[in-house]
Amino acid sequence: QAEEELKEACARQALQLQEMGRRERLLRADMGRAKEQLKSFKTRVMQVCSPAAVGAAGKAITEQQVIEKVKNISEESQQSHERERRLQEELSSKLSKEKEVSESVEVFKKSLCELQ
């Protein structure tokens, strides 16, 4: 009986090892695809950025320059969003004040009409 249990345990472990091997192959394939996608994306970014950044000497930009350019664009975008948020708050505040003034004018008009 012990021998039979040992055989079953070995069979389960063999199945587990096969499953782990299958998962490893799938992960390696996924990683390979991700690397290819990243390489393709990097190539496209370099192609897009390079023509605009070619200097007078005709030298193509480096990867680090592209990274810096992307960082700058990201920071500018973040600053733009922050400015937009502040302007939206300012506009909201001014609209609120305008509404208050408008309501006050209406009350004033009504009071004037009542006085006449």
N, C-alpha and C. Protein backbone atom coordinates (compact mmCIF):
# COMPACT_ATOMS: atom_id res chain seq x y z
N GLN A 1 0.84 -1.20 0.00
CA GLN A 1 0.00 0.00 0.00
C GLN A 1 0.88 1.26 0.00
N ALA A 2 1.94 1.24 0.79
CA ALA A 2 2.86 2.38 0.84
C ALA A 2 3.49 2.61 -0.52
N GLU A 3 3.80 1.51 -1.18
CA GLU A 3 4.40 1.62 -2.51
C GLU A 3 3.41 2.25 -3.50
N GLU A 4 2.14 1.86 -3.37
CA GLU A 4 1.10 2.42 -4.25
C GLU A 4 0.91 3.92 -3.99
N GLU A 5 0.91 4.30 -2.73
CA GLU A 5 0.79 5.72 -2.37
C GLU A 5 1.98 6.51 -2.87
N LEU A 6 3.15 5.91 -2.79
CA LEU A 6 4.37 6.56 -3.28
C LEU A 6 4.30 6.75 -4.80
N LYS A 7 3.81 5.74 -5.51
CA LYS A 7 3.66 5.85 -6.95
C LYS A 7 2.67 6.95 -7.32
N GLU A 8 1.55 7.03 -6.57
CA GLU A 8 0.55 8.08 -6.82
C GLU A 8 1.14 9.46 -6.57
N ALA A 9 1.90 9.59 -5.47
CA ALA A 9 2.54 10.87 -5.14
C ALA A 9 3.52 11.26 -6.24
N CYS A 10 4.28 10.28 -6.72
CA CYS A 10 5.23 10.55 -7.80
C CYS A 10 4.50 10.97 -9.07
N ALA A 11 3.38 10.30 -9.35
CA ALA A 11 2.60 10.63 -10.54
C ALA A 11 2.04 12.05 -10.43
N ARG A 12 1.55 12.42 -9.22
CA ARG A 12 1.04 13.80 -9.01
C ARG A 12 2.15 14.82 -9.20
N GLN A 13 3.31 14.51 -8.65
CA GLN A 13 4.45 15.44 -8.79
C GLN A 13 4.88 15.55 -10.24
N ALA A 14 4.82 14.46 -10.96
CA ALA A 14 5.18 14.50 -12.38
C ALA A 14 4.21 15.39 -13.14
N LEU A 15 2.92 15.26 -12.82
CA LEU A 15 1.91 16.12 -13.46
C LEU A 15 2.13 17.59 -13.10
N GLN A 16 2.45 17.82 -11.83
CA GLN A 16 2.71 19.20 -11.39
C GLN A 16 3.93 19.77 -12.13
N LEU A 17 4.96 18.96 -12.27
CA LEU A 17 6.16 19.42 -12.98
C LEU A 17 5.84 19.71 -14.45
N GLN A 18 5.03 18.86 -15.06
CA GLN A 18 4.63 19.10 -16.45
C GLN A 18 3.85 20.40 -16.56
N GLU A 19 2.94 20.61 -15.62
CA GLU A 19 2.14 21.85 -15.63
C GLU A 19 3.04 23.07 -15.42
N MET A 20 3.99 22.96 -14.50
CA MET A 20 4.92 24.07 -14.28
C MET A 20 5.75 24.33 -15.53
N GLY A 21 6.17 23.27 -16.21
CA GLY A 21 6.93 23.44 -17.45
C GLY A 21 6.08 24.12 -18.52
N ARG A 22 4.81 23.73 -18.61
CA ARG A 22 3.90 24.35 -19.58
C ARG A 22 3.73 25.84 -19.28
N ARG A 23 3.53 26.14 -18.00
CA ARG A 23 3.37 27.55 -17.60
C ARG A 23 4.63 28.35 -17.89
N GLU A 24 5.79 27.73 -17.63
CA GLU A 24 7.06 28.41 -17.91
C GLU A 24 7.19 28.72 -19.40
N ARG A 25 6.84 27.75 -20.24
CA ARG A 25 6.91 27.98 -21.69
C ARG A 25 5.96 29.10 -22.11
N LEU A 26 4.76 29.11 -21.54
CA LEU A 26 3.81 30.18 -21.86
C LEU A 26 4.35 31.55 -21.42
N LEU A 27 4.91 31.59 -20.22
CA LEU A 27 5.48 32.85 -19.72
C LEU A 27 6.65 33.32 -20.59
N ARG A 28 7.49 32.39 -21.00
CA ARG A 28 8.61 32.75 -21.87
C ARG A 28 8.10 33.29 -23.22
N ALA A 29 7.06 32.64 -23.74
CA ALA A 29 6.49 33.11 -25.01
C ALA A 29 5.89 34.50 -24.83
N ASP A 30 5.17 34.71 -23.73
CA ASP A 30 4.60 36.04 -23.45
C ASP A 30 5.69 37.08 -23.31
N MET A 31 6.76 36.71 -22.61
CA MET A 31 7.87 37.64 -22.41
C MET A 31 8.52 37.97 -23.75
N GLY A 32 8.66 36.98 -24.61
CA GLY A 32 9.24 37.22 -25.93
C GLY A 32 8.38 38.18 -26.74
N ARG A 33 7.06 37.96 -26.70
CA ARG A 33 6.16 38.87 -27.42
C ARG A 33 6.24 40.29 -26.84
N ALA A 34 6.29 40.38 -25.51
CA ALA A 34 6.38 41.70 -24.88
C ALA A 34 7.68 42.40 -25.28
N LYS A 35 8.78 41.65 -25.35
CA LYS A 35 10.06 42.24 -25.76
C LYS A 35 9.97 42.75 -27.19
N GLU A 36 9.35 41.97 -28.07
CA GLU A 36 9.20 42.39 -29.47
C GLU A 36 8.32 43.64 -29.57
N GLN A 37 7.24 43.68 -28.79
CA GLN A 37 6.37 44.86 -28.79
C GLN A 37 7.12 46.08 -28.30
N LEU A 38 7.90 45.90 -27.23
CA LEU A 38 8.69 47.01 -26.70
C LEU A 38 9.72 47.49 -27.72
N LYS A 39 10.37 46.54 -28.37
CA LYS A 39 11.36 46.90 -29.39
C LYS A 39 10.69 47.66 -30.54
N SER A 40 9.53 47.19 -30.96
CA SER A 40 8.79 47.85 -32.03
C SER A 40 8.38 49.26 -31.61
N PHE A 41 7.88 49.37 -30.37
CA PHE A 41 7.47 50.69 -29.86
C PHE A 41 8.66 51.63 -29.80
N LYS A 42 9.78 51.13 -29.30
CA LYS A 42 11.00 51.93 -29.20
C LYS A 42 11.44 52.41 -30.58
N THR A 43 11.38 51.51 -31.55
CA THR A 43 11.76 51.87 -32.92
C THR A 43 10.85 52.97 -33.46
N ARG A 44 9.54 52.81 -33.21
CA ARG A 44 8.60 53.83 -33.71
C ARG A 44 8.82 55.17 -33.04
N VAL A 45 9.09 55.15 -31.72
CA VAL A 45 9.35 56.41 -31.01
C VAL A 45 10.60 57.07 -31.57
N MET A 46 11.64 56.28 -31.79
CA MET A 46 12.88 56.83 -32.34
C MET A 46 12.64 57.41 -33.74
N GLN A 47 11.83 56.72 -34.55
CA GLN A 47 11.55 57.21 -35.89
C GLN A 47 10.77 58.51 -35.85
N VAL A 48 9.84 58.60 -34.92
CA VAL A 48 9.02 59.81 -34.81
C VAL A 48 9.85 60.97 -34.28
N CYS A 49 10.65 60.70 -33.26
CA CYS A 49 11.41 61.78 -32.62
C CYS A 49 12.65 62.16 -33.41
N SER A 50 13.27 61.22 -34.05
CA SER A 50 14.54 61.46 -34.70
C SER A 50 14.50 62.54 -35.78
N PRO A 51 13.55 62.51 -36.73
CA PRO A 51 13.57 63.55 -37.76
C PRO A 51 13.47 64.96 -37.20
N ALA A 52 12.67 65.12 -36.18
CA ALA A 52 12.49 66.45 -35.59
C ALA A 52 13.71 66.89 -34.80
N ALA A 53 14.49 65.91 -34.35
CA ALA A 53 15.61 66.24 -33.47
C ALA A 53 16.97 66.14 -34.16
N VAL A 54 16.99 65.90 -35.44
CA VAL A 54 18.26 65.82 -36.15
C VAL A 54 18.86 67.23 -36.18
N GLY A 55 20.08 67.30 -35.72
CA GLY A 55 20.72 68.61 -35.62
C GLY A 55 21.31 69.07 -36.93
N ALA A 56 21.96 70.21 -36.87
CA ALA A 56 22.57 70.77 -38.07
C ALA A 56 23.66 69.84 -38.61
N ALA A 57 24.28 69.09 -37.69
CA ALA A 57 25.35 68.18 -38.12
C ALA A 57 24.78 66.91 -38.74
N GLY A 58 23.45 66.75 -38.67
CA GLY A 58 22.81 65.58 -39.27
C GLY A 58 22.90 64.34 -38.41
N LYS A 59 23.23 64.50 -37.13
CA LYS A 59 23.33 63.34 -36.24
C LYS A 59 21.95 62.97 -35.71
N ALA A 60 21.65 61.69 -35.71
CA ALA A 60 20.39 61.21 -35.13
C ALA A 60 20.50 61.29 -33.61
N ILE A 61 19.37 61.46 -32.98
CA ILE A 61 19.38 61.57 -31.52
C ILE A 61 19.60 60.20 -30.89
N THR A 62 20.04 60.23 -29.64
CA THR A 62 20.29 58.99 -28.90
C THR A 62 19.02 58.58 -28.17
N GLU A 63 19.04 57.34 -27.67
CA GLU A 63 17.91 56.85 -26.89
C GLU A 63 17.69 57.74 -25.67
N GLN A 64 18.78 58.13 -25.02
CA GLN A 64 18.67 58.96 -23.81
C GLN A 64 18.00 60.29 -24.14
N GLN A 65 18.31 60.86 -25.30
CA GLN A 65 17.68 62.12 -25.70
C GLN A 65 16.19 61.92 -25.93
N VAL A 66 15.82 60.78 -26.50
CA VAL A 66 14.40 60.48 -26.70
C VAL A 66 13.71 60.36 -25.35
N ILE A 67 14.36 59.65 -24.42
CA ILE A 67 13.79 59.50 -23.08
C ILE A 67 13.59 60.85 -22.43
N GLU A 68 14.60 61.71 -22.54
CA GLU A 68 14.48 63.06 -21.97
C GLU A 68 13.34 63.85 -22.62
N LYS A 69 13.23 63.73 -23.93
CA LYS A 69 12.17 64.42 -24.66
C LYS A 69 10.79 63.94 -24.19
N VAL A 70 10.64 62.62 -24.05
CA VAL A 70 9.38 62.05 -23.58
C VAL A 70 9.08 62.53 -22.15
N LYS A 71 10.12 62.57 -21.30
CA LYS A 71 9.94 63.07 -19.93
C LYS A 71 9.48 64.52 -19.96
N ASN A 72 10.12 65.34 -20.81
CA ASN A 72 9.75 66.75 -20.91
C ASN A 72 8.30 66.90 -21.36
N ILE A 73 7.93 66.11 -22.36
CA ILE A 73 6.55 66.18 -22.86
C ILE A 73 5.58 65.78 -21.76
N SER A 74 5.93 64.75 -21.01
CA SER A 74 5.08 64.29 -19.91
C SER A 74 4.94 65.38 -18.85
N GLU A 75 6.05 66.02 -18.49
CA GLU A 75 6.01 67.09 -17.49
C GLU A 75 5.19 68.27 -17.99
N GLU A 76 5.37 68.63 -19.26
CA GLU A 76 4.59 69.73 -19.83
C GLU A 76 3.11 69.39 -19.83
N SER A 77 2.79 68.15 -20.12
CA SER A 77 1.39 67.71 -20.11
C SER A 77 0.82 67.81 -18.71
N GLN A 78 1.60 67.38 -17.73
CA GLN A 78 1.14 67.45 -16.34
C GLN A 78 0.94 68.90 -15.91
N GLN A 79 1.86 69.77 -16.28
CA GLN A 79 1.73 71.19 -15.95
C GLN A 79 0.50 71.78 -16.63
N SER A 80 0.27 71.38 -17.87
CA SER A 80 -0.89 71.86 -18.60
C SER A 80 -2.19 71.42 -17.93
N HIS A 81 -2.23 70.17 -17.50
CA HIS A 81 -3.41 69.68 -16.80
C HIS A 81 -3.63 70.43 -15.49
N GLU A 82 -2.54 70.70 -14.78
CA GLU A 82 -2.64 71.44 -13.52
C GLU A 82 -3.14 72.86 -13.78
N ARG A 83 -2.62 73.49 -14.81
CA ARG A 83 -3.07 74.85 -15.17
C ARG A 83 -4.54 74.83 -15.57
N GLU A 84 -4.93 73.83 -16.34
CA GLU A 84 -6.33 73.70 -16.74
C GLU A 84 -7.23 73.54 -15.51
N ARG A 85 -6.78 72.73 -14.55
CA ARG A 85 -7.55 72.53 -13.31
C ARG A 85 -7.70 73.85 -12.55
N ARG A 86 -6.59 74.61 -12.44
CA ARG A 86 -6.65 75.89 -11.73
C ARG A 86 -7.58 76.86 -12.45
N LEU A 87 -7.48 76.91 -13.78
CA LEU A 87 -8.36 77.80 -14.54
C LEU A 87 -9.82 77.40 -14.40
N GLN A 88 -10.07 76.09 -14.35
CA GLN A 88 -11.44 75.60 -14.17
C GLN A 88 -11.97 76.03 -12.81
N GLU A 89 -11.14 75.92 -11.78
CA GLU A 89 -11.54 76.35 -10.45
C GLU A 89 -11.81 77.85 -10.43
N GLU A 90 -10.93 78.61 -11.08
CA GLU A 90 -11.09 80.07 -11.15
C GLU A 90 -12.39 80.42 -11.88
N LEU A 91 -12.64 79.76 -12.99
CA LEU A 91 -13.86 80.00 -13.75
C LEU A 91 -15.09 79.67 -12.91
N SER A 92 -15.04 78.56 -12.22
CA SER A 92 -16.16 78.15 -11.37
C SER A 92 -16.41 79.19 -10.28
N SER A 93 -15.33 79.67 -9.70
CA SER A 93 -15.45 80.69 -8.65
C SER A 93 -16.05 81.98 -9.21
N LYS A 94 -15.59 82.39 -10.38
CA LYS A 94 -16.11 83.63 -10.98
C LYS A 94 -17.58 83.47 -11.38
N LEU A 95 -17.94 82.30 -11.88
CA LEU A 95 -19.34 82.05 -12.23
C LEU A 95 -20.22 82.10 -10.98
N SER A 96 -19.71 81.56 -9.91
CA SER A 96 -20.44 81.58 -8.65
C SER A 96 -20.63 83.01 -8.16
N LYS A 97 -19.58 83.81 -8.24
CA LYS A 97 -19.68 85.22 -7.82
C LYS A 97 -20.64 85.98 -8.74
N GLU A 98 -20.55 85.68 -10.03
CA GLU A 98 -21.44 86.34 -10.99
C GLU A 98 -22.90 86.00 -10.68
N LYS A 99 -23.14 84.78 -10.31
CA LYS A 99 -24.50 84.35 -9.96
C LYS A 99 -24.98 85.11 -8.72
N GLU A 100 -24.09 85.24 -7.74
CA GLU A 100 -24.44 85.98 -6.52
C GLU A 100 -24.78 87.44 -6.85
N VAL A 101 -23.94 88.04 -7.70
CA VAL A 101 -24.18 89.44 -8.08
C VAL A 101 -25.49 89.56 -8.84
N SER A 102 -25.74 88.63 -9.72
CA SER A 102 -26.97 88.64 -10.50
C SER A 102 -28.19 88.52 -9.58
N GLU A 103 -28.10 87.64 -8.60
CA GLU A 103 -29.20 87.49 -7.65
C GLU A 103 -29.38 88.76 -6.84
N SER A 104 -28.27 89.39 -6.45
CA SER A 104 -28.35 90.65 -5.70
C SER A 104 -29.00 91.74 -6.54
N VAL A 105 -28.65 91.78 -7.82
CA VAL A 105 -29.24 92.78 -8.73
C VAL A 105 -30.74 92.55 -8.83
N GLU A 106 -31.15 91.29 -8.93
CA GLU A 106 -32.58 90.98 -9.02
C GLU A 106 -33.30 91.42 -7.76
N VAL A 107 -32.70 91.16 -6.60
CA VAL A 107 -33.30 91.59 -5.33
C VAL A 107 -33.38 93.12 -5.29
N PHE A 108 -32.33 93.77 -5.76
CA PHE A 108 -32.31 95.23 -5.78
C PHE A 108 -33.39 95.77 -6.70
N LYS A 109 -33.54 95.18 -7.89
CA LYS A 109 -34.57 95.59 -8.84
C LYS A 109 -35.95 95.42 -8.22
N LYS A 110 -36.15 94.28 -7.58
CA LYS A 110 -37.43 94.01 -6.97
C LYS A 110 -37.74 95.03 -5.87
N SER A 111 -36.71 95.36 -5.08
CA SER A 111 -36.88 96.37 -4.02
C SER A 111 -37.22 97.72 -4.61
N LEU A 112 -36.56 98.09 -5.71
CA LEU A 112 -36.83 99.36 -6.36
C LEU A 112 -38.26 99.42 -6.88
N CYS A 113 -38.69 98.31 -7.48
CA CYS A 113 -40.06 98.26 -8.00
C CYS A 113 -41.06 98.42 -6.86
N GLU A 114 -40.77 97.79 -5.74
CA GLU A 114 -41.68 97.89 -4.59
C GLU A 114 -41.71 99.31 -4.03
N LEU A 115 -40.57 99.98 -4.06
CA LEU A 115 -40.53 101.35 -3.57
C LEU A 115 -41.30 102.32 -4.46
N GLN A 116 -41.32 102.03 -5.74
CA GLN A 116 -42.04 102.91 -6.65
C GLN A 116 -43.51 102.68 -6.47
